[in-house]
Amino acid sequence: MPLDVATVGSVRTRRRIGEAALSLGGLLVLLVVLATFNPRVREQVALHVSPDSATTYTTEGTTVRDLALVAYESVRDVSIEHAPLTMFVLAGTVLLIFMLRT
């Protein structure tokens, strides 16, 4: 049974949406892990997720930027403290990306 163009396009679109959802889920898991182990990230998440944050006048873009900045600073501090482990994880990630591409 031959596949028509609409079916192939639908499958590709569904796959892209699934991959985007997995990426967002991975970022959410990373943020939860960071918030679990780092008090600065935990404070920022609690500040921006609390019910009182709806009454502030900051835009959502500023909130996301601030949260990303705290997460970046946290990852940077940990990577400086554990430089050999960071290099190992980076090398492993690069190898994983090359394995998935082939």
C-alpha atoms as a PDB file:
ATOM      1  CA  MET A   1       0.000   0.000   0.000  1.00  0.00           C
ATOM      2  CA  PRO A   2       1.669   3.260  -1.082  1.00  0.00           C
ATOM      3  CA  LEU A   3       1.871   6.182   1.307  1.00  0.00           C
ATOM      4  CA  ASP A   4       0.438   9.457   0.155  1.00  0.00           C
ATOM      5  CA  VAL A   5       2.093  12.817   0.777  1.00  0.00           C
ATOM      6  CA  ALA A   6      -0.396  13.864   3.482  1.00  0.00           C
ATOM      7  CA  THR A   7       0.349  10.758   5.564  1.00  0.00           C
ATOM      8  CA  VAL A   8       4.108  11.258   5.328  1.00  0.00           C
ATOM      9  CA  GLY A   9       3.748  14.947   6.269  1.00  0.00           C
ATOM     10  CA  SER A  10       1.541  14.052   9.215  1.00  0.00           C
ATOM     11  CA  VAL A  11       4.049  11.513  10.496  1.00  0.00           C
ATOM     12  CA  ARG A  12       6.898  14.025  10.189  1.00  0.00           C
ATOM     13  CA  THR A  13       4.909  16.702  11.999  1.00  0.00           C
ATOM     14  CA  ARG A  14       3.964  14.289  14.773  1.00  0.00           C
ATOM     15  CA  ARG A  15       7.606  13.246  15.126  1.00  0.00           C
ATOM     16  CA  ARG A  16       8.771  16.884  15.354  1.00  0.00           C
ATOM     17  CA  ILE A  17       6.170  17.671  17.998  1.00  0.00           C
ATOM     18  CA  GLY A  18       7.202  14.585  19.957  1.00  0.00           C
ATOM     19  CA  GLU A  19      10.869  15.521  19.779  1.00  0.00           C
ATOM     20  CA  ALA A  20      10.107  19.084  20.910  1.00  0.00           C
ATOM     21  CA  ALA A  21       8.052  17.739  23.827  1.00  0.00           C
ATOM     22  CA  LEU A  22      10.930  15.437  24.828  1.00  0.00           C
ATOM     23  CA  SER A  23      13.383  18.345  24.698  1.00  0.00           C
ATOM     24  CA  LEU A  24      11.156  20.529  26.853  1.00  0.00           C
ATOM     25  CA  GLY A  25      10.658  17.622  29.251  1.00  0.00           C
ATOM     26  CA  GLY A  26      14.425  17.200  29.515  1.00  0.00           C
ATOM     27  CA  LEU A  27      14.863  20.887  30.307  1.00  0.00           C
ATOM     28  CA  LEU A  28      12.130  20.667  32.926  1.00  0.00           C
ATOM     29  CA  VAL A  29      13.828  17.670  34.557  1.00  0.00           C
ATOM     30  CA  LEU A  30      17.145  19.560  34.564  1.00  0.00           C
ATOM     31  CA  LEU A  31      15.495  22.557  36.217  1.00  0.00           C
ATOM     32  CA  VAL A  32      13.857  20.351  38.854  1.00  0.00           C
ATOM     33  CA  VAL A  33      17.172  18.644  39.628  1.00  0.00           C
ATOM     34  CA  LEU A  34      18.937  22.001  39.869  1.00  0.00           C
ATOM     35  CA  ALA A  35      16.196  23.340  42.143  1.00  0.00           C
ATOM     36  CA  THR A  36      16.485  20.257  44.321  1.00  0.00           C
ATOM     37  CA  PHE A  37      20.203  20.577  44.942  1.00  0.00           C
ATOM     38  CA  ASN A  38      20.893  24.312  44.718  1.00  0.00           C
ATOM     39  CA  PRO A  39      19.288  26.740  47.186  1.00  0.00           C
ATOM     40  CA  ARG A  40      19.693  29.761  44.864  1.00  0.00           C
ATOM     41  CA  VAL A  41      17.786  28.059  42.064  1.00  0.00           C
ATOM     42  CA  ARG A  42      15.188  26.822  44.552  1.00  0.00           C
ATOM     43  CA  GLU A  43      14.610  30.363  45.819  1.00  0.00           C
ATOM     44  CA  GLN A  44      14.236  31.756  42.309  1.00  0.00           C
ATOM     45  CA  VAL A  45      11.832  29.011  41.262  1.00  0.00           C
ATOM     46  CA  ALA A  46       9.766  29.517  44.415  1.00  0.00           C
ATOM     47  CA  LEU A  47       9.754  33.268  43.825  1.00  0.00           C
ATOM     48  CA  HIS A  48       8.508  32.971  40.249  1.00  0.00           C
ATOM     49  CA  VAL A  49       6.081  30.092  40.732  1.00  0.00           C
ATOM     50  CA  SER A  50       4.385  31.342  43.894  1.00  0.00           C
ATOM     51  CA  PRO A  51       0.799  32.663  43.623  1.00  0.00           C
ATOM     52  CA  ASP A  52       1.990  36.161  44.578  1.00  0.00           C
ATOM     53  CA  SER A  53       4.127  36.340  41.430  1.00  0.00           C
ATOM     54  CA  ALA A  54       0.968  36.892  39.347  1.00  0.00           C
ATOM     55  CA  THR A  55       0.586  40.331  40.922  1.00  0.00           C
ATOM     56  CA  THR A  56       4.073  41.547  40.034  1.00  0.00           C
ATOM     57  CA  TYR A  57       4.660  43.762  37.033  1.00  0.00           C
ATOM     58  CA  THR A  58       7.537  41.840  35.519  1.00  0.00           C
ATOM     59  CA  THR A  59       7.017  40.341  32.115  1.00  0.00           C
ATOM     60  CA  GLU A  60       7.274  36.639  31.493  1.00  0.00           C
ATOM     61  CA  GLY A  61      10.369  37.185  29.353  1.00  0.00           C
ATOM     62  CA  THR A  62      12.167  38.835  32.236  1.00  0.00           C
ATOM     63  CA  THR A  63      11.125  36.023  34.556  1.00  0.00           C
ATOM     64  CA  VAL A  64      12.417  33.350  32.191  1.00  0.00           C
ATOM     65  CA  ARG A  65      15.635  35.286  31.606  1.00  0.00           C
ATOM     66  CA  ASP A  66      16.252  35.672  35.341  1.00  0.00           C
ATOM     67  CA  LEU A  67      15.567  31.990  35.950  1.00  0.00           C
ATOM     68  CA  ALA A  68      17.873  30.987  33.083  1.00  0.00           C
ATOM     69  CA  LEU A  69      20.591  33.276  34.440  1.00  0.00           C
ATOM     70  CA  VAL A  70      20.409  31.695  37.893  1.00  0.00           C
ATOM     71  CA  ALA A  71      20.499  28.210  36.358  1.00  0.00           C
ATOM     72  CA  TYR A  72      23.482  29.196  34.192  1.00  0.00           C
ATOM     73  CA  GLU A  73      25.379  30.628  37.157  1.00  0.00           C
ATOM     74  CA  SER A  74      24.661  27.509  39.178  1.00  0.00           C
ATOM     75  CA  VAL A  75      25.897  25.195  36.417  1.00  0.00           C
ATOM     76  CA  ARG A  76      28.985  27.387  35.907  1.00  0.00           C
ATOM     77  CA  ASP A  77      29.860  27.329  39.620  1.00  0.00           C
ATOM     78  CA  VAL A  78      29.476  23.556  39.832  1.00  0.00           C
ATOM     79  CA  SER A  79      31.470  23.009  36.642  1.00  0.00           C
ATOM     80  CA  ILE A  80      34.340  25.140  37.971  1.00  0.00           C
ATOM     81  CA  GLU A  81      34.374  23.167  41.203  1.00  0.00           C
ATOM     82  CA  HIS A  82      34.306  19.819  39.384  1.00  0.00           C
ATOM     83  CA  ALA A  83      36.307  20.537  36.220  1.00  0.00           C
ATOM     84  CA  PRO A  84      37.513  16.952  35.504  1.00  0.00           C
ATOM     85  CA  LEU A  85      34.010  15.543  35.856  1.00  0.00           C
ATOM     86  CA  THR A  86      32.644  18.335  33.675  1.00  0.00           C
ATOM     87  CA  MET A  87      35.123  17.498  30.911  1.00  0.00           C
ATOM     88  CA  PHE A  88      34.182  13.822  31.135  1.00  0.00           C
ATOM     89  CA  VAL A  89      30.463  14.631  30.839  1.00  0.00           C
ATOM     90  CA  LEU A  90      31.121  17.004  27.933  1.00  0.00           C
ATOM     91  CA  ALA A  91      33.157  14.372  26.079  1.00  0.00           C
ATOM     92  CA  GLY A  92      30.473  11.765  26.753  1.00  0.00           C
ATOM     93  CA  THR A  93      27.789  14.097  25.418  1.00  0.00           C
ATOM     94  CA  VAL A  94      29.735  14.777  22.236  1.00  0.00           C
ATOM     95  CA  LEU A  95      30.261  11.047  21.691  1.00  0.00           C
ATOM     96  CA  LEU A  96      26.563  10.390  22.305  1.00  0.00           C
ATOM     97  CA  ILE A  97      25.582  13.028  19.741  1.00  0.00           C
ATOM     98  CA  PHE A  98      27.898  11.476  17.152  1.00  0.00           C
ATOM     99  CA  MET A  99      26.526   8.001  17.896  1.00  0.00           C
ATOM    100  CA  LEU A 100      22.926   9.182  17.472  1.00  0.00           C
ATOM    101  CA  ARG A 101      23.695  10.909  14.181  1.00  0.00           C
ATOM    102  CA  THR A 102      25.097   7.776  12.551  1.00  0.00           C
END
